């Protein structure tokens, strides 16, 4: 998977990871992939809702240790 941009939001709680992802996606082109790394356990639910609301695709979600990784595809 070719990640176009990566965002490290470790240590930030909702809504900051979502807000930073929204800003990053606005600067990206259609079809590009954004990888967001978060330590907020609620981010899994938050990114699912964010993708549905914005029309961006949530391509992948996974947990690695204490990190929650979300990959979004820009609409």
PDB file of N, CA and C in Angstrom:
ATOM      1  N   UNK A   1       0.847  -1.179   0.000  1.00  0.00           N
ATOM      2  CA  UNK A   1       0.000   0.000   0.000  1.00  0.00           C
ATOM      3  C   UNK A   1       0.894   1.246   0.000  1.00  0.00           C
ATOM      4  N   UNK A   2       0.669   2.137  -0.929  1.00  0.00           N
ATOM      5  CA  UNK A   2       1.464   3.357  -1.075  1.00  0.00           C
ATOM      6  C   UNK A   2       0.842   4.481  -0.246  1.00  0.00           C
ATOM      7  N   UNK A   3       1.446   4.791   0.908  1.00  0.00           N
ATOM      8  CA  UNK A   3       0.960   5.871   1.764  1.00  0.00           C
ATOM      9  C   UNK A   3       1.534   7.191   1.241  1.00  0.00           C
ATOM     10  N   UNK A   4       0.647   8.174   1.029  1.00  0.00           N
ATOM     11  CA  UNK A   4       1.084   9.457   0.492  1.00  0.00           C
ATOM     12  C   UNK A   4       1.461  10.457   1.582  1.00  0.00           C
ATOM     13  N   UNK A   5       0.819  10.314   2.751  1.00  0.00           N
ATOM     14  CA  UNK A   5       1.092  11.235   3.849  1.00  0.00           C
ATOM     15  C   UNK A   5       0.857  10.502   5.157  1.00  0.00           C
ATOM     16  N   UNK A   6       1.694  10.790   6.152  1.00  0.00           N
ATOM     17  CA  UNK A   6       1.531  10.157   7.461  1.00  0.00           C
ATOM     18  C   UNK A   6       1.397  11.244   8.523  1.00  0.00           C
ATOM     19  N   UNK A   7       0.505  10.971   9.475  1.00  0.00           N
ATOM     20  CA  UNK A   7       0.208  11.925  10.531  1.00  0.00           C
ATOM     21  C   UNK A   7       0.381  11.220  11.873  1.00  0.00           C
ATOM     22  N   UNK A   8       1.216  11.772  12.738  1.00  0.00           N
ATOM     23  CA  UNK A   8       1.438  11.201  14.066  1.00  0.00           C
ATOM     24  C   UNK A   8       0.643  12.024  15.077  1.00  0.00           C
ATOM     25  N   UNK A   9      -0.427  11.435  15.606  1.00  0.00           N
ATOM     26  CA  UNK A   9      -1.252  12.145  16.585  1.00  0.00           C
ATOM     27  C   UNK A   9      -1.167  11.464  17.951  1.00  0.00           C
ATOM     28  N   UNK A  10      -0.071  10.761  18.199  1.00  0.00           N
ATOM     29  CA  UNK A  10       0.117  10.096  19.499  1.00  0.00           C
ATOM     30  C   UNK A  10       0.052  11.132  20.615  1.00  0.00           C
ATOM     31  N   UNK A  11      -0.654  10.773  21.690  1.00  0.00           N
ATOM     32  CA  UNK A  11      -0.765  11.659  22.843  1.00  0.00           C
ATOM     33  C   UNK A  11      -1.916  12.650  22.751  1.00  0.00           C
ATOM     34  N   UNK A  12      -2.553  12.731  21.592  1.00  0.00           N
ATOM     35  CA  UNK A  12      -3.689  13.647  21.427  1.00  0.00           C
ATOM     36  C   UNK A  12      -5.004  12.878  21.574  1.00  0.00           C
ATOM     37  N   UNK A  13      -5.984  13.510  22.202  1.00  0.00           N
ATOM     38  CA  UNK A  13      -7.295  12.887  22.361  1.00  0.00           C
ATOM     39  C   UNK A  13      -8.309  13.561  21.460  1.00  0.00           C
ATOM     40  N   UNK A  14      -9.427  12.886  21.269  1.00  0.00           N
ATOM     41  CA  UNK A  14     -10.521  13.379  20.447  1.00  0.00           C
ATOM     42  C   UNK A  14     -10.889  14.794  20.900  1.00  0.00           C
ATOM     43  N   UNK A  15     -11.110  15.704  20.002  1.00  0.00           N
ATOM     44  CA  UNK A  15     -11.246  15.556  18.552  1.00  0.00           C
ATOM     45  C   UNK A  15      -9.974  15.881  17.771  1.00  0.00           C
ATOM     46  N   UNK A  16      -8.847  16.090  18.440  1.00  0.00           N
ATOM     47  CA  UNK A  16      -7.641  16.553  17.737  1.00  0.00           C
ATOM     48  C   UNK A  16      -7.155  15.624  16.621  1.00  0.00           C
ATOM     49  N   UNK A  17      -7.103  14.290  16.798  1.00  0.00           N
ATOM     50  CA  UNK A  17      -6.671  13.450  15.667  1.00  0.00           C
ATOM     51  C   UNK A  17      -7.575  13.616  14.436  1.00  0.00           C
ATOM     52  N   UNK A  18      -8.884  13.730  14.669  1.00  0.00           N
ATOM     53  CA  UNK A  18      -9.837  13.912  13.559  1.00  0.00           C
ATOM     54  C   UNK A  18      -9.608  15.264  12.887  1.00  0.00           C
ATOM     55  N   UNK A  19      -9.446  16.309  13.682  1.00  0.00           N
ATOM     56  CA  UNK A  19      -9.257  17.644  13.112  1.00  0.00           C
ATOM     57  C   UNK A  19      -7.966  17.718  12.291  1.00  0.00           C
ATOM     58  N   UNK A  20      -6.903  17.116  12.793  1.00  0.00           N
ATOM     59  CA  UNK A  20      -5.639  17.114  12.053  1.00  0.00           C
ATOM     60  C   UNK A  20      -5.756  16.290  10.766  1.00  0.00           C
ATOM     61  N   UNK A  21      -6.489  15.176  10.835  1.00  0.00           N
ATOM     62  CA  UNK A  21      -6.704  14.356   9.638  1.00  0.00           C
ATOM     63  C   UNK A  21      -7.531  15.110   8.604  1.00  0.00           C
ATOM     64  N   UNK A  22      -8.546  15.819   9.072  1.00  0.00           N
ATOM     65  CA  UNK A  22      -9.398  16.594   8.160  1.00  0.00           C
ATOM     66  C   UNK A  22      -8.573  17.644   7.419  1.00  0.00           C
ATOM     67  N   UNK A  23      -7.693  18.329   8.158  1.00  0.00           N
ATOM     68  CA  UNK A  23      -6.839  19.349   7.540  1.00  0.00           C
ATOM     69  C   UNK A  23      -5.877  18.712   6.532  1.00  0.00           C
ATOM     70  N   UNK A  24      -5.282  17.588   6.907  1.00  0.00           N
ATOM     71  CA  UNK A  24      -4.338  16.906   6.011  1.00  0.00           C
ATOM     72  C   UNK A  24      -5.036  16.430   4.742  1.00  0.00           C
ATOM     73  N   UNK A  25      -6.223  15.858   4.879  1.00  0.00           N
ATOM     74  CA  UNK A  25      -6.968  15.367   3.716  1.00  0.00           C
ATOM     75  C   UNK A  25      -7.329  16.509   2.766  1.00  0.00           C
ATOM     76  N   UNK A  26      -7.624  17.679   3.317  1.00  0.00           N
ATOM     77  CA  UNK A  26      -7.987  18.838   2.491  1.00  0.00           C
ATOM     78  C   UNK A  26      -6.835  19.263   1.589  1.00  0.00           C
ATOM     79  N   UNK A  27      -5.601  18.969   2.010  1.00  0.00           N
ATOM     80  CA  UNK A  27      -4.413  19.348   1.235  1.00  0.00           C
ATOM     81  C   UNK A  27      -3.991  18.256   0.249  1.00  0.00           C
ATOM     82  N   UNK A  28      -4.703  17.116   0.261  1.00  0.00           N
ATOM     83  CA  UNK A  28      -4.332  15.980  -0.580  1.00  0.00           C
ATOM     84  C   UNK A  28      -5.217  15.886  -1.813  1.00  0.00           C
ATOM     85  N   UNK A  29      -4.778  15.101  -2.785  1.00  0.00           N
ATOM     86  CA  UNK A  29      -5.538  14.897  -4.016  1.00  0.00           C
ATOM     87  C   UNK A  29      -6.423  13.663  -3.893  1.00  0.00           C
ATOM     88  N   UNK A  30      -7.439  13.607  -4.716  1.00  0.00           N
ATOM     89  CA  UNK A  30      -8.342  12.471  -4.751  1.00  0.00           C
ATOM     90  C   UNK A  30      -7.567  11.172  -4.957  1.00  0.00           C
ATOM     91  N   UNK A  31      -7.898  10.169  -4.155  1.00  0.00           N
ATOM     92  CA  UNK A  31      -7.273   8.863  -4.278  1.00  0.00           C
ATOM     93  C   UNK A  31      -6.007   8.674  -3.452  1.00  0.00           C
ATOM     94  N   UNK A  32      -5.463   9.754  -2.902  1.00  0.00           N
ATOM     95  CA  UNK A  32      -4.256   9.618  -2.087  1.00  0.00           C
ATOM     96  C   UNK A  32      -4.600   9.019  -0.722  1.00  0.00           C
ATOM     97  N   UNK A  33      -3.597   8.370  -0.101  1.00  0.00           N
ATOM     98  CA  UNK A  33      -3.801   7.692   1.177  1.00  0.00           C
ATOM     99  C   UNK A  33      -3.122   8.444   2.318  1.00  0.00           C
ATOM    100  N   UNK A  34      -3.869   8.596   3.415  1.00  0.00           N
ATOM    101  CA  UNK A  34      -3.371   9.221   4.632  1.00  0.00           C
ATOM    102  C   UNK A  34      -3.338   8.175   5.732  1.00  0.00           C
ATOM    103  N   UNK A  35      -2.186   8.034   6.380  1.00  0.00           N
ATOM    104  CA  UNK A  35      -2.033   7.101   7.499  1.00  0.00           C
ATOM    105  C   UNK A  35      -1.947   7.928   8.773  1.00  0.00           C
ATOM    106  N   UNK A  36      -2.858   7.647   9.714  1.00  0.00           N
ATOM    107  CA  UNK A  36      -2.895   8.368  10.983  1.00  0.00           C
ATOM    108  C   UNK A  36      -2.561   7.388  12.105  1.00  0.00           C
ATOM    109  N   UNK A  37      -1.585   7.747  12.935  1.00  0.00           N
ATOM    110  CA  UNK A  37      -1.219   6.932  14.093  1.00  0.00           C
ATOM    111  C   UNK A  37      -1.680   7.675  15.335  1.00  0.00           C
ATOM    112  N   UNK A  38      -2.456   6.987  16.169  1.00  0.00           N
ATOM    113  CA  UNK A  38      -3.039   7.597  17.359  1.00  0.00           C
ATOM    114  C   UNK A  38      -2.848   6.680  18.558  1.00  0.00           C
ATOM    115  N   UNK A  39      -2.893   7.253  19.747  1.00  0.00           N
ATOM    116  CA  UNK A  39      -2.865   6.449  20.973  1.00  0.00           C
ATOM    117  C   UNK A  39      -4.219   6.488  21.669  1.00  0.00           C
ATOM    118  N   UNK A  40      -5.175   7.198  21.100  1.00  0.00           N
ATOM    119  CA  UNK A  40      -6.514   7.323  21.675  1.00  0.00           C
ATOM    120  C   UNK A  40      -7.355   6.107  21.282  1.00  0.00           C
ATOM    121  N   UNK A  41      -7.740   5.261  22.264  1.00  0.00           N
ATOM    122  CA  UNK A  41      -8.537   4.070  21.940  1.00  0.00           C
ATOM    123  C   UNK A  41      -9.870   4.410  21.265  1.00  0.00           C
ATOM    124  N   UNK A  42     -10.411   5.578  21.544  1.00  0.00           N
ATOM    125  CA  UNK A  42     -11.672   5.994  20.930  1.00  0.00           C
ATOM    126  C   UNK A  42     -11.522   6.387  19.474  1.00  0.00           C
ATOM    127  N   UNK A  43     -10.287   6.495  19.011  1.00  0.00           N
ATOM    128  CA  UNK A  43     -10.062   6.929  17.627  1.00  0.00           C
ATOM    129  C   UNK A  43     -10.592   5.911  16.619  1.00  0.00           C
ATOM    130  N   UNK A  44     -10.657   4.643  17.005  1.00  0.00           N
ATOM    131  CA  UNK A  44     -11.182   3.616  16.096  1.00  0.00           C
ATOM    132  C   UNK A  44     -12.627   3.944  15.725  1.00  0.00           C
ATOM    133  N   UNK A  45     -13.422   4.217  16.721  1.00  0.00           N
ATOM    134  CA  UNK A  45     -14.830   4.588  16.504  1.00  0.00           C
ATOM    135  C   UNK A  45     -14.929   5.946  15.808  1.00  0.00           C
ATOM    136  N   UNK A  46     -14.083   6.895  16.244  1.00  0.00           N
ATOM    137  CA  UNK A  46     -14.140   8.248  15.698  1.00  0.00           C
ATOM    138  C   UNK A  46     -13.820   8.289  14.202  1.00  0.00           C
ATOM    139  N   UNK A  47     -12.797   7.535  13.770  1.00  0.00           N
ATOM    140  CA  UNK A  47     -12.429   7.550  12.355  1.00  0.00           C
ATOM    141  C   UNK A  47     -13.466   6.828  11.490  1.00  0.00           C
ATOM    142  N   UNK A  48     -14.125   5.835  12.058  1.00  0.00           N
ATOM    143  CA  UNK A  48     -15.202   5.159  11.336  1.00  0.00           C
ATOM    144  C   UNK A  48     -16.343   6.149  11.056  1.00  0.00           C
ATOM    145  N   UNK A  49     -16.741   6.898  12.076  1.00  0.00           N
ATOM    146  CA  UNK A  49     -17.802   7.898  11.926  1.00  0.00           C
ATOM    147  C   UNK A  49     -17.353   9.025  10.992  1.00  0.00           C
ATOM    148  N   UNK A  50     -16.100   9.460  11.122  1.00  0.00           N
ATOM    149  CA  UNK A  50     -15.567  10.531  10.280  1.00  0.00           C
ATOM    150  C   UNK A  50     -15.612  10.144   8.806  1.00  0.00           C
ATOM    151  N   UNK A  51     -15.218   8.916   8.505  1.00  0.00           N
ATOM    152  CA  UNK A  51     -15.224   8.456   7.111  1.00  0.00           C
ATOM    153  C   UNK A  51     -16.639   8.447   6.548  1.00  0.00           C
ATOM    154  N   UNK A  52     -17.591   7.977   7.345  1.00  0.00           N
ATOM    155  CA  UNK A  52     -18.988   7.954   6.876  1.00  0.00           C
ATOM    156  C   UNK A  52     -19.518   9.359   6.636  1.00  0.00           C
ATOM    157  N   UNK A  53     -19.175  10.295   7.509  1.00  0.00           N
ATOM    158  CA  UNK A  53     -19.676  11.666   7.397  1.00  0.00           C
ATOM    159  C   UNK A  53     -19.067  12.418   6.226  1.00  0.00           C
ATOM    160  N   UNK A  54     -17.804  12.149   5.932  1.00  0.00           N
ATOM    161  CA  UNK A  54     -17.095  12.938   4.922  1.00  0.00           C
ATOM    162  C   UNK A  54     -17.041  12.290   3.544  1.00  0.00           C
ATOM    163  N   UNK A  55     -17.347  10.998   3.471  1.00  0.00           N
ATOM    164  CA  UNK A  55     -17.295  10.309   2.192  1.00  0.00           C
ATOM    165  C   UNK A  55     -15.912   9.793   1.826  1.00  0.00           C
ATOM    166  N   UNK A  56     -14.934   9.988   2.712  1.00  0.00           N
ATOM    167  CA  UNK A  56     -13.606   9.416   2.493  1.00  0.00           C
ATOM    168  C   UNK A  56     -13.670   7.936   2.860  1.00  0.00           C
ATOM    169  N   UNK A  57     -12.835   7.117   2.231  1.00  0.00           N
ATOM    170  CA  UNK A  57     -12.835   5.683   2.507  1.00  0.00           C
ATOM    171  C   UNK A  57     -11.889   5.364   3.650  1.00  0.00           C
ATOM    172  N   UNK A  58     -12.374   4.588   4.614  1.00  0.00           N
ATOM    173  CA  UNK A  58     -11.518   4.068   5.666  1.00  0.00           C
ATOM    174  C   UNK A  58     -11.008   2.729   5.163  1.00  0.00           C
ATOM    175  N   UNK A  59      -9.781   2.731   4.656  1.00  0.00           N
ATOM    176  CA  UNK A  59      -9.214   1.577   3.979  1.00  0.00           C
ATOM    177  C   UNK A  59      -8.777   0.508   4.974  1.00  0.00           C
ATOM    178  N   UNK A  60      -8.244   0.938   6.105  1.00  0.00           N
ATOM    179  CA  UNK A  60      -7.684  -0.021   7.058  1.00  0.00           C
ATOM    180  C   UNK A  60      -7.652   0.573   8.454  1.00  0.00           C
ATOM    181  N   UNK A  61      -7.877  -0.277   9.456  1.00  0.00           N
ATOM    182  CA  UNK A  61      -7.690   0.087  10.854  1.00  0.00           C
ATOM    183  C   UNK A  61      -7.011  -1.084  11.536  1.00  0.00           C
ATOM    184  N   UNK A  62      -6.035  -0.795  12.375  1.00  0.00           N
ATOM    185  CA  UNK A  62      -5.389  -1.871  13.124  1.00  0.00           C
ATOM    186  C   UNK A  62      -4.786  -1.305  14.398  1.00  0.00           C
ATOM    187  N   UNK A  63      -4.564  -2.191  15.356  1.00  0.00           N
ATOM    188  CA  UNK A  63      -3.914  -1.816  16.609  1.00  0.00           C
ATOM    189  C   UNK A  63      -2.560  -2.516  16.658  1.00  0.00           C
ATOM    190  N   UNK A  64      -1.531  -1.749  16.974  1.00  0.00           N
ATOM    191  CA  UNK A  64      -0.177  -2.293  17.124  1.00  0.00           C
ATOM    192  C   UNK A  64       0.357  -1.796  18.448  1.00  0.00           C
ATOM    193  N   UNK A  65       0.428  -2.683  19.425  1.00  0.00           N
ATOM    194  CA  UNK A  65       0.861  -2.262  20.754  1.00  0.00           C
ATOM    195  C   UNK A  65      -0.129  -1.247  21.302  1.00  0.00           C
ATOM    196  N   UNK A  66       0.340  -0.075  21.639  1.00  0.00           N
ATOM    197  CA  UNK A  66      -0.545   0.978  22.140  1.00  0.00           C
ATOM    198  C   UNK A  66      -0.979   1.957  21.065  1.00  0.00           C
ATOM    199  N   UNK A  67      -0.618   1.680  19.817  1.00  0.00           N
ATOM    200  CA  UNK A  67      -0.968   2.570  18.707  1.00  0.00           C
ATOM    201  C   UNK A  67      -2.177   2.055  17.941  1.00  0.00           C
ATOM    202  N   UNK A  68      -2.987   2.989  17.491  1.00  0.00           N
ATOM    203  CA  UNK A  68      -4.131   2.679  16.640  1.00  0.00           C
ATOM    204  C   UNK A  68      -3.854   3.340  15.299  1.00  0.00           C
ATOM    205  N   UNK A  69      -3.844   2.522  14.240  1.00  0.00           N
ATOM    206  CA  UNK A  69      -3.457   3.010  12.923  1.00  0.00           C
ATOM    207  C   UNK A  69      -4.677   3.013  12.006  1.00  0.00           C
ATOM    208  N   UNK A  70      -4.874   4.145  11.362  1.00  0.00           N
ATOM    209  CA  UNK A  70      -6.024   4.349  10.468  1.00  0.00           C
ATOM    210  C   UNK A  70      -5.498   4.801   9.113  1.00  0.00           C
ATOM    211  N   UNK A  71      -5.994   4.178   8.040  1.00  0.00           N
ATOM    212  CA  UNK A  71      -5.612   4.588   6.694  1.00  0.00           C
ATOM    213  C   UNK A  71      -6.870   5.056   5.982  1.00  0.00           C
ATOM    214  N   UNK A  72      -6.843   6.311   5.563  1.00  0.00           N
ATOM    215  CA  UNK A  72      -7.978   6.932   4.867  1.00  0.00           C
ATOM    216  C   UNK A  72      -7.598   7.231   3.423  1.00  0.00           C
ATOM    217  N   UNK A  73      -8.551   7.028   2.533  1.00  0.00           N
ATOM    218  CA  UNK A  73      -8.369   7.353   1.118  1.00  0.00           C
ATOM    219  C   UNK A  73      -9.189   8.601   0.809  1.00  0.00           C
ATOM    220  N   UNK A  74      -8.502   9.609   0.297  1.00  0.00           N
ATOM    221  CA  UNK A  74      -9.160  10.893  -0.002  1.00  0.00           C
ATOM    222  C   UNK A  74     -10.200  10.705  -1.104  1.00  0.00           C
ATOM    223  N   UNK A  75     -11.380  11.241  -0.868  1.00  0.00           N
ATOM    224  CA  UNK A  75     -12.458  11.132  -1.870  1.00  0.00           C
ATOM    225  C   UNK A  75     -12.238  12.093  -3.013  1.00  0.00           C
TER     226      UNK A  75
END
